[in-house]
Amino acid sequence: MAVKDKKTRDELILKYYPFVKNVVLRMAAKFPLDHSEIEDLVNVGIIGLMKAIEKFDEKRNVRFETFAYMRIKGAVWDELRQRDYFSRTTRGKDSRIQKALFELQKELGRQPEEEEVAAHLGVSLEDYYDLLDDARGVSLLSLEDLPADFFDKEDGKGIRDVLETEGPLASLLGNELMIGLKKAIDGLPQKEKLVVSLYYYEELTMKEIGRVLDLTESRVCQLHSQAVLRLRSSIAAYR
């Protein structure tokens, strides 16, 4: 694509504006943001889209939407990180849960039950759910794990592509880690595996997943956070 002419670029921005908004709304759902903050992030996403339009190479075997998605998401994550929505307190809680999951997996030789994790942390099950609520914005792979020029030199693919093909993360993290990630997803408790599949593969919102599984949106978010932290603790052994 690599559009130079301003009129064509503006037409493309108008065409893909709903796409940008959809990506931003899905990301923003993980954070307590007001309307004006979401609008700011949409503007940031538009900048990511503009960079995608400038950088996209039609010779690559990748759809523009896939390439633009990673550019938009990367720009928004950078903005969220700069605003420090990932507070130190939240990151500390993420690490605490992840460490407990890692230790229990080693000790039990299987994925621990929620009650076992709560007991290991020395908290009630209700307090453990509160910790999962606080970990709502946790991501499987942080942008800090990627090289600075990742979005410039890679095609950029969704998690489905990454797990099913020799995608950019496979070359970055190594085949052993990717095999470990696939195995870790297969080893998730059934309900958490369903949440991961519906969220990342079918691209449903947390609310839609709740309707499918007959769960509250809040419970779906807890299961998502727990699943991601289980995966992170599992793949830590492969790093």
C-alpha atoms as a PDB file:
ATOM      1  CA  MET A   1       0.000   0.000   0.000  1.00  0.00           C
ATOM      2  CA  ALA A   2       2.501   2.618   1.245  1.00  0.00           C
ATOM      3  CA  VAL A   3       0.120   5.451   0.283  1.00  0.00           C
ATOM      4  CA  LYS A   4       1.731   8.823  -0.290  1.00  0.00           C
ATOM      5  CA  ASP A   5      -1.229  10.758  -1.644  1.00  0.00           C
ATOM      6  CA  LYS A   6      -3.135  12.551   1.139  1.00  0.00           C
ATOM      7  CA  LYS A   7      -6.606  12.123  -0.384  1.00  0.00           C
ATOM      8  CA  THR A   8      -6.250   8.332  -0.660  1.00  0.00           C
ATOM      9  CA  ARG A   9      -4.798   8.149   2.841  1.00  0.00           C
ATOM     10  CA  ASP A  10      -7.732  10.158   4.264  1.00  0.00           C
ATOM     11  CA  GLU A  11     -10.201   7.852   2.479  1.00  0.00           C
ATOM     12  CA  LEU A  12      -8.503   4.811   4.018  1.00  0.00           C
ATOM     13  CA  ILE A  13      -8.554   6.384   7.478  1.00  0.00           C
ATOM     14  CA  LEU A  14     -12.285   7.033   7.110  1.00  0.00           C
ATOM     15  CA  LYS A  15     -12.852   3.478   5.861  1.00  0.00           C
ATOM     16  CA  TYR A  16     -10.932   1.867   8.747  1.00  0.00           C
ATOM     17  CA  TYR A  17     -12.099   4.211  11.511  1.00  0.00           C
ATOM     18  CA  PRO A  18     -14.739   1.704  12.772  1.00  0.00           C
ATOM     19  CA  PHE A  19     -12.024  -0.987  12.784  1.00  0.00           C
ATOM     20  CA  VAL A  20      -9.750   1.232  14.916  1.00  0.00           C
ATOM     21  CA  LYS A  21     -12.592   2.027  17.311  1.00  0.00           C
ATOM     22  CA  ASN A  22     -13.430  -1.658  17.713  1.00  0.00           C
ATOM     23  CA  VAL A  23      -9.794  -2.547  18.531  1.00  0.00           C
ATOM     24  CA  VAL A  24      -9.555   0.299  21.058  1.00  0.00           C
ATOM     25  CA  LEU A  25     -12.863  -0.564  22.753  1.00  0.00           C
ATOM     26  CA  ARG A  26     -11.783  -4.177  23.212  1.00  0.00           C
ATOM     27  CA  MET A  27      -8.515  -3.038  24.788  1.00  0.00           C
ATOM     28  CA  ALA A  28     -10.126  -0.291  26.868  1.00  0.00           C
ATOM     29  CA  ALA A  29     -12.553  -2.810  28.396  1.00  0.00           C
ATOM     30  CA  LYS A  30      -9.668  -4.006  30.585  1.00  0.00           C
ATOM     31  CA  PHE A  31      -9.234  -0.607  32.238  1.00  0.00           C
ATOM     32  CA  PRO A  32     -11.409   1.839  34.220  1.00  0.00           C
ATOM     33  CA  LEU A  33     -11.415   4.546  31.519  1.00  0.00           C
ATOM     34  CA  ASP A  34     -13.936   7.330  30.995  1.00  0.00           C
ATOM     35  CA  HIS A  35     -15.365   8.397  27.627  1.00  0.00           C
ATOM     36  CA  SER A  36     -12.802  11.157  26.996  1.00  0.00           C
ATOM     37  CA  GLU A  37      -9.884   8.816  27.731  1.00  0.00           C
ATOM     38  CA  ILE A  38     -11.275   6.250  25.289  1.00  0.00           C
ATOM     39  CA  GLU A  39     -11.638   8.956  22.637  1.00  0.00           C
ATOM     40  CA  ASP A  40      -7.984   9.907  23.234  1.00  0.00           C
ATOM     41  CA  LEU A  41      -6.999   6.262  22.698  1.00  0.00           C
ATOM     42  CA  VAL A  42      -9.031   6.140  19.474  1.00  0.00           C
ATOM     43  CA  ASN A  43      -6.956   9.102  18.229  1.00  0.00           C
ATOM     44  CA  VAL A  44      -3.796   7.221  19.209  1.00  0.00           C
ATOM     45  CA  GLY A  45      -5.133   4.204  17.313  1.00  0.00           C
ATOM     46  CA  ILE A  46      -5.668   6.385  14.236  1.00  0.00           C
ATOM     47  CA  ILE A  47      -1.986   7.355  14.387  1.00  0.00           C
ATOM     48  CA  GLY A  48      -1.155   3.634  14.477  1.00  0.00           C
ATOM     49  CA  LEU A  49      -3.410   3.134  11.440  1.00  0.00           C
ATOM     50  CA  MET A  50      -1.655   5.962   9.580  1.00  0.00           C
ATOM     51  CA  LYS A  51       1.717   4.315  10.234  1.00  0.00           C
ATOM     52  CA  ALA A  52       0.308   1.016   8.988  1.00  0.00           C
ATOM     53  CA  ILE A  53      -0.873   2.699   5.773  1.00  0.00           C
ATOM     54  CA  GLU A  54       2.612   4.199   5.284  1.00  0.00           C
ATOM     55  CA  LYS A  55       4.540   1.007   6.070  1.00  0.00           C
ATOM     56  CA  PHE A  56       2.360  -1.752   4.596  1.00  0.00           C
ATOM     57  CA  ASP A  57       4.015  -3.770   1.845  1.00  0.00           C
ATOM     58  CA  GLU A  58       1.557  -5.572  -0.447  1.00  0.00           C
ATOM     59  CA  LYS A  59       4.297  -8.030  -1.436  1.00  0.00           C
ATOM     60  CA  ARG A  60       4.148  -9.575   2.037  1.00  0.00           C
ATOM     61  CA  ASN A  61       1.840 -12.524   2.442  1.00  0.00           C
ATOM     62  CA  VAL A  62      -0.350 -10.818   5.043  1.00  0.00           C
ATOM     63  CA  ARG A  63      -3.673  -8.980   4.995  1.00  0.00           C
ATOM     64  CA  PHE A  64      -3.616  -5.234   5.588  1.00  0.00           C
ATOM     65  CA  GLU A  65      -6.161  -5.596   8.409  1.00  0.00           C
ATOM     66  CA  THR A  66      -3.826  -7.981  10.253  1.00  0.00           C
ATOM     67  CA  PHE A  67      -0.853  -5.644   9.848  1.00  0.00           C
ATOM     68  CA  ALA A  68      -2.921  -2.594  10.855  1.00  0.00           C
ATOM     69  CA  TYR A  69      -4.315  -4.415  13.906  1.00  0.00           C
ATOM     70  CA  MET A  70      -0.836  -4.915  15.356  1.00  0.00           C
ATOM     71  CA  ARG A  71       0.154  -1.309  14.588  1.00  0.00           C
ATOM     72  CA  ILE A  72      -3.000   0.076  16.217  1.00  0.00           C
ATOM     73  CA  LYS A  73      -2.685  -2.206  19.230  1.00  0.00           C
ATOM     74  CA  GLY A  74       1.009  -1.381  19.620  1.00  0.00           C
ATOM     75  CA  ALA A  75       0.334   2.366  19.579  1.00  0.00           C
ATOM     76  CA  VAL A  76      -2.450   2.049  22.159  1.00  0.00           C
ATOM     77  CA  TRP A  77      -0.402  -0.207  24.482  1.00  0.00           C
ATOM     78  CA  ASP A  78       2.455   2.305  24.328  1.00  0.00           C
ATOM     79  CA  GLU A  79       0.077   5.101  25.304  1.00  0.00           C
ATOM     80  CA  LEU A  80      -1.428   3.084  28.162  1.00  0.00           C
ATOM     81  CA  ARG A  81       2.038   2.239  29.432  1.00  0.00           C
ATOM     82  CA  GLN A  82       3.130   5.892  29.294  1.00  0.00           C
ATOM     83  CA  ARG A  83       0.062   6.882  31.319  1.00  0.00           C
ATOM     84  CA  ASP A  84       0.990   4.081  33.749  1.00  0.00           C
ATOM     85  CA  TYR A  85      -2.418   2.433  33.818  1.00  0.00           C
ATOM     86  CA  PHE A  86      -0.430  -0.686  34.668  1.00  0.00           C
ATOM     87  CA  SER A  87       0.232   0.542  38.199  1.00  0.00           C
ATOM     88  CA  ARG A  88       3.016  -0.930  40.321  1.00  0.00           C
ATOM     89  CA  THR A  89       0.408  -2.218  42.756  1.00  0.00           C
ATOM     90  CA  THR A  90      -1.424  -4.098  40.003  1.00  0.00           C
ATOM     91  CA  ARG A  91       1.797  -5.469  38.535  1.00  0.00           C
ATOM     92  CA  GLY A  92       2.774  -6.641  42.031  1.00  0.00           C
ATOM     93  CA  LYS A  93      -0.521  -8.510  42.386  1.00  0.00           C
ATOM     94  CA  ASP A  94      -0.056 -10.098  38.950  1.00  0.00           C
ATOM     95  CA  SER A  95       3.387 -11.316  39.961  1.00  0.00           C
ATOM     96  CA  ARG A  96       2.120 -12.641  43.285  1.00  0.00           C
ATOM     97  CA  ILE A  97      -0.591 -14.763  41.643  1.00  0.00           C
ATOM     98  CA  GLN A  98       1.735 -15.911  38.856  1.00  0.00           C
ATOM     99  CA  LYS A  99       4.372 -16.986  41.393  1.00  0.00           C
ATOM    100  CA  ALA A 100       1.765 -18.937  43.388  1.00  0.00           C
ATOM    101  CA  LEU A 101       0.532 -20.679  40.235  1.00  0.00           C
ATOM    102  CA  PHE A 102       4.092 -21.551  39.222  1.00  0.00           C
ATOM    103  CA  GLU A 103       4.956 -22.992  42.646  1.00  0.00           C
ATOM    104  CA  LEU A 104       1.731 -24.991  42.874  1.00  0.00           C
ATOM    105  CA  GLN A 105       2.095 -26.392  39.349  1.00  0.00           C
ATOM    106  CA  LYS A 106       5.547 -27.660  40.283  1.00  0.00           C
ATOM    107  CA  GLU A 107       4.363 -29.059  43.596  1.00  0.00           C
ATOM    108  CA  LEU A 108       1.143 -30.700  42.366  1.00  0.00           C
ATOM    109  CA  GLY A 109       2.164 -31.654  38.842  1.00  0.00           C
ATOM    110  CA  ARG A 110      -1.085 -30.161  37.516  1.00  0.00           C
ATOM    111  CA  GLN A 111      -2.974 -26.895  37.298  1.00  0.00           C
ATOM    112  CA  PRO A 112      -4.096 -25.890  40.821  1.00  0.00           C
ATOM    113  CA  GLU A 113      -7.733 -25.219  41.711  1.00  0.00           C
ATOM    114  CA  GLU A 114      -8.728 -21.690  42.683  1.00  0.00           C
ATOM    115  CA  GLU A 115      -9.215 -22.755  46.321  1.00  0.00           C
ATOM    116  CA  GLU A 116      -5.648 -24.134  46.367  1.00  0.00           C
ATOM    117  CA  VAL A 117      -4.215 -20.893  44.989  1.00  0.00           C
ATOM    118  CA  ALA A 118      -6.128 -18.864  47.573  1.00  0.00           C
ATOM    119  CA  ALA A 119      -4.872 -21.126  50.378  1.00  0.00           C
ATOM    120  CA  HIS A 120      -1.296 -20.867  49.076  1.00  0.00           C
ATOM    121  CA  LEU A 121      -1.576 -17.077  49.104  1.00  0.00           C
ATOM    122  CA  GLY A 122      -3.106 -17.166  52.583  1.00  0.00           C
ATOM    123  CA  VAL A 123      -6.290 -15.368  51.536  1.00  0.00           C
ATOM    124  CA  SER A 124      -9.981 -16.277  51.327  1.00  0.00           C
ATOM    125  CA  LEU A 125     -11.436 -17.323  47.974  1.00  0.00           C
ATOM    126  CA  GLU A 126     -13.357 -14.029  47.848  1.00  0.00           C
ATOM    127  CA  ASP A 127     -10.125 -12.059  48.398  1.00  0.00           C
ATOM    128  CA  TYR A 128      -8.435 -14.129  45.694  1.00  0.00           C
ATOM    129  CA  TYR A 129     -11.214 -13.152  43.275  1.00  0.00           C
ATOM    130  CA  ASP A 130     -10.558  -9.519  44.222  1.00  0.00           C
ATOM    131  CA  LEU A 131      -6.886 -10.018  43.307  1.00  0.00           C
ATOM    132  CA  LEU A 132      -7.965 -11.421  39.932  1.00  0.00           C
ATOM    133  CA  ASP A 133     -10.219  -8.382  39.421  1.00  0.00           C
ATOM    134  CA  ASP A 134      -7.203  -6.124  40.053  1.00  0.00           C
ATOM    135  CA  ALA A 135      -5.189  -8.147  37.508  1.00  0.00           C
ATOM    136  CA  ARG A 136      -7.797  -7.503  34.801  1.00  0.00           C
ATOM    137  CA  GLY A 137      -5.424  -5.770  32.385  1.00  0.00           C
ATOM    138  CA  VAL A 138      -2.781  -8.516  32.453  1.00  0.00           C
ATOM    139  CA  SER A 139      -1.524  -9.578  29.019  1.00  0.00           C
ATOM    140  CA  LEU A 140       0.081 -12.823  27.939  1.00  0.00           C
ATOM    141  CA  LEU A 141       3.043 -11.125  26.303  1.00  0.00           C
ATOM    142  CA  SER A 142       4.044  -7.601  27.251  1.00  0.00           C
ATOM    143  CA  LEU A 143       5.390  -5.234  24.618  1.00  0.00           C
ATOM    144  CA  GLU A 144       8.492  -5.016  26.794  1.00  0.00           C
ATOM    145  CA  ASP A 145       9.160  -8.617  25.734  1.00  0.00           C
ATOM    146  CA  LEU A 146       9.385  -7.541  22.086  1.00  0.00           C
ATOM    147  CA  PRO A 147      12.299  -5.792  20.366  1.00  0.00           C
ATOM    148  CA  ALA A 148      11.863  -2.063  19.692  1.00  0.00           C
ATOM    149  CA  ASP A 149      11.552  -2.548  15.924  1.00  0.00           C
ATOM    150  CA  PHE A 150       9.185  -5.536  16.117  1.00  0.00           C
ATOM    151  CA  PHE A 151       6.297  -3.742  14.424  1.00  0.00           C
ATOM    152  CA  ASP A 152       8.579  -2.340  11.713  1.00  0.00           C
ATOM    153  CA  LYS A 153      10.093  -5.600  10.554  1.00  0.00           C
ATOM    154  CA  GLU A 154       7.381  -8.186  11.225  1.00  0.00           C
ATOM    155  CA  ASP A 155       4.070  -8.846   9.509  1.00  0.00           C
ATOM    156  CA  GLY A 156       2.191  -8.828  12.785  1.00  0.00           C
ATOM    157  CA  LYS A 157      -0.339 -11.567  13.435  1.00  0.00           C
ATOM    158  CA  GLY A 158      -3.031 -12.402  15.935  1.00  0.00           C
ATOM    159  CA  ILE A 159      -2.679 -15.091  18.577  1.00  0.00           C
ATOM    160  CA  ARG A 160      -4.344 -17.671  16.317  1.00  0.00           C
ATOM    161  CA  ASP A 161      -1.687 -17.125  13.615  1.00  0.00           C
ATOM    162  CA  VAL A 162       1.086 -17.141  16.197  1.00  0.00           C
ATOM    163  CA  LEU A 163      -0.010 -20.464  17.653  1.00  0.00           C
ATOM    164  CA  GLU A 164      -0.768 -22.183  14.344  1.00  0.00           C
ATOM    165  CA  THR A 165       2.144 -21.030  12.202  1.00  0.00           C
ATOM    166  CA  GLU A 166       5.769 -20.097  12.359  1.00  0.00           C
ATOM    167  CA  GLY A 167       4.755 -16.509  13.025  1.00  0.00           C
ATOM    168  CA  PRO A 168       6.836 -13.575  14.314  1.00  0.00           C
ATOM    169  CA  LEU A 169       6.587 -14.604  17.958  1.00  0.00           C
ATOM    170  CA  ALA A 170       7.748 -18.105  17.079  1.00  0.00           C
ATOM    171  CA  SER A 171      10.953 -16.736  15.573  1.00  0.00           C
ATOM    172  CA  LEU A 172      11.340 -14.262  18.422  1.00  0.00           C
ATOM    173  CA  LEU A 173      10.692 -16.627  21.324  1.00  0.00           C
ATOM    174  CA  GLY A 174      11.870 -19.896  19.808  1.00  0.00           C
ATOM    175  CA  ASN A 175      10.047 -23.072  18.848  1.00  0.00           C
ATOM    176  CA  GLU A 176      10.482 -24.648  22.274  1.00  0.00           C
ATOM    177  CA  LEU A 177       8.604 -21.784  23.927  1.00  0.00           C
ATOM    178  CA  MET A 178       5.841 -21.835  21.309  1.00  0.00           C
ATOM    179  CA  ILE A 179       5.391 -25.588  21.820  1.00  0.00           C
ATOM    180  CA  GLY A 180       5.265 -24.918  25.558  1.00  0.00           C
ATOM    181  CA  LEU A 181       2.590 -22.231  25.045  1.00  0.00           C
ATOM    182  CA  LYS A 182       0.438 -24.558  22.936  1.00  0.00           C
ATOM    183  CA  LYS A 183       0.810 -27.268  25.559  1.00  0.00           C
ATOM    184  CA  ALA A 184      -0.037 -24.801  28.348  1.00  0.00           C
ATOM    185  CA  ILE A 185      -3.236 -23.733  26.552  1.00  0.00           C
ATOM    186  CA  ASP A 186      -4.238 -27.376  26.105  1.00  0.00           C
ATOM    187  CA  GLY A 187      -3.637 -27.902  29.832  1.00  0.00           C
ATOM    188  CA  LEU A 188      -5.906 -25.063  30.992  1.00  0.00           C
ATOM    189  CA  PRO A 189      -9.055 -25.944  32.945  1.00  0.00           C
ATOM    190  CA  GLN A 190     -11.908 -26.391  30.470  1.00  0.00           C
ATOM    191  CA  LYS A 191     -13.768 -23.186  31.332  1.00  0.00           C
ATOM    192  CA  GLU A 192     -10.605 -21.052  31.098  1.00  0.00           C
ATOM    193  CA  LYS A 193      -9.649 -22.685  27.804  1.00  0.00           C
ATOM    194  CA  LEU A 194     -13.103 -21.791  26.483  1.00  0.00           C
ATOM    195  CA  VAL A 195     -12.687 -18.171  27.579  1.00  0.00           C
ATOM    196  CA  VAL A 196      -9.275 -17.952  25.865  1.00  0.00           C
ATOM    197  CA  SER A 197     -10.667 -19.548  22.697  1.00  0.00           C
ATOM    198  CA  LEU A 198     -13.749 -17.318  22.527  1.00  0.00           C
ATOM    199  CA  TYR A 199     -11.810 -14.136  23.342  1.00  0.00           C
ATOM    200  CA  TYR A 200      -8.710 -14.572  21.179  1.00  0.00           C
ATOM    201  CA  TYR A 201      -9.933 -16.912  18.441  1.00  0.00           C
ATOM    202  CA  GLU A 202     -13.596 -15.959  18.017  1.00  0.00           C
ATOM    203  CA  GLU A 203     -12.934 -12.345  19.147  1.00  0.00           C
ATOM    204  CA  LEU A 204     -16.013 -12.138  21.365  1.00  0.00           C
ATOM    205  CA  THR A 205     -16.184  -9.486  24.066  1.00  0.00           C
ATOM    206  CA  MET A 206     -16.179 -10.473  27.749  1.00  0.00           C
ATOM    207  CA  LYS A 207     -19.896  -9.640  27.890  1.00  0.00           C
ATOM    208  CA  GLU A 208     -20.649 -11.880  24.884  1.00  0.00           C
ATOM    209  CA  ILE A 209     -18.593 -14.706  26.393  1.00  0.00           C
ATOM    210  CA  GLY A 210     -20.599 -14.326  29.603  1.00  0.00           C
ATOM    211  CA  ARG A 211     -23.816 -14.865  27.644  1.00  0.00           C
ATOM    212  CA  VAL A 212     -22.380 -17.952  25.919  1.00  0.00           C
ATOM    213  CA  LEU A 213     -21.141 -19.523  29.177  1.00  0.00           C
ATOM    214  CA  ASP A 214     -23.985 -18.214  31.350  1.00  0.00           C
ATOM    215  CA  LEU A 215     -21.549 -16.301  33.574  1.00  0.00           C
ATOM    216  CA  THR A 216     -21.338 -12.679  34.681  1.00  0.00           C
ATOM    217  CA  GLU A 217     -18.976 -10.428  32.748  1.00  0.00           C
ATOM    218  CA  SER A 218     -16.970  -9.965  35.958  1.00  0.00           C
ATOM    219  CA  ARG A 219     -16.513 -13.738  36.346  1.00  0.00           C
ATOM    220  CA  VAL A 220     -15.403 -14.051  32.719  1.00  0.00           C
ATOM    221  CA  CYS A 221     -12.782 -11.341  33.338  1.00  0.00           C
ATOM    222  CA  GLN A 222     -11.532 -13.246  36.393  1.00  0.00           C
ATOM    223  CA  LEU A 223     -11.260 -16.475  34.386  1.00  0.00           C
ATOM    224  CA  HIS A 224      -9.413 -14.626  31.620  1.00  0.00           C
ATOM    225  CA  SER A 225      -6.922 -13.087  34.069  1.00  0.00           C
ATOM    226  CA  GLN A 226      -6.387 -16.427  35.764  1.00  0.00           C
ATOM    227  CA  ALA A 227      -5.914 -18.230  32.435  1.00  0.00           C
ATOM    228  CA  VAL A 228      -3.340 -15.677  31.261  1.00  0.00           C
ATOM    229  CA  LEU A 229      -1.432 -15.887  34.545  1.00  0.00           C
ATOM    230  CA  ARG A 230      -1.491 -19.698  34.350  1.00  0.00           C
ATOM    231  CA  LEU A 231      -0.057 -19.492  30.829  1.00  0.00           C
ATOM    232  CA  ARG A 232       2.621 -17.014  31.883  1.00  0.00           C
ATOM    233  CA  SER A 233       3.642 -19.205  34.806  1.00  0.00           C
ATOM    234  CA  SER A 234       3.727 -22.278  32.528  1.00  0.00           C
ATOM    235  CA  ILE A 235       5.827 -20.717  29.767  1.00  0.00           C
ATOM    236  CA  ALA A 236       8.223 -19.126  32.290  1.00  0.00           C
ATOM    237  CA  ALA A 237       9.964 -22.511  32.439  1.00  0.00           C
ATOM    238  CA  TYR A 238      10.716 -22.318  28.702  1.00  0.00           C
ATOM    239  CA  ARG A 239      12.399 -18.901  28.748  1.00  0.00           C
END
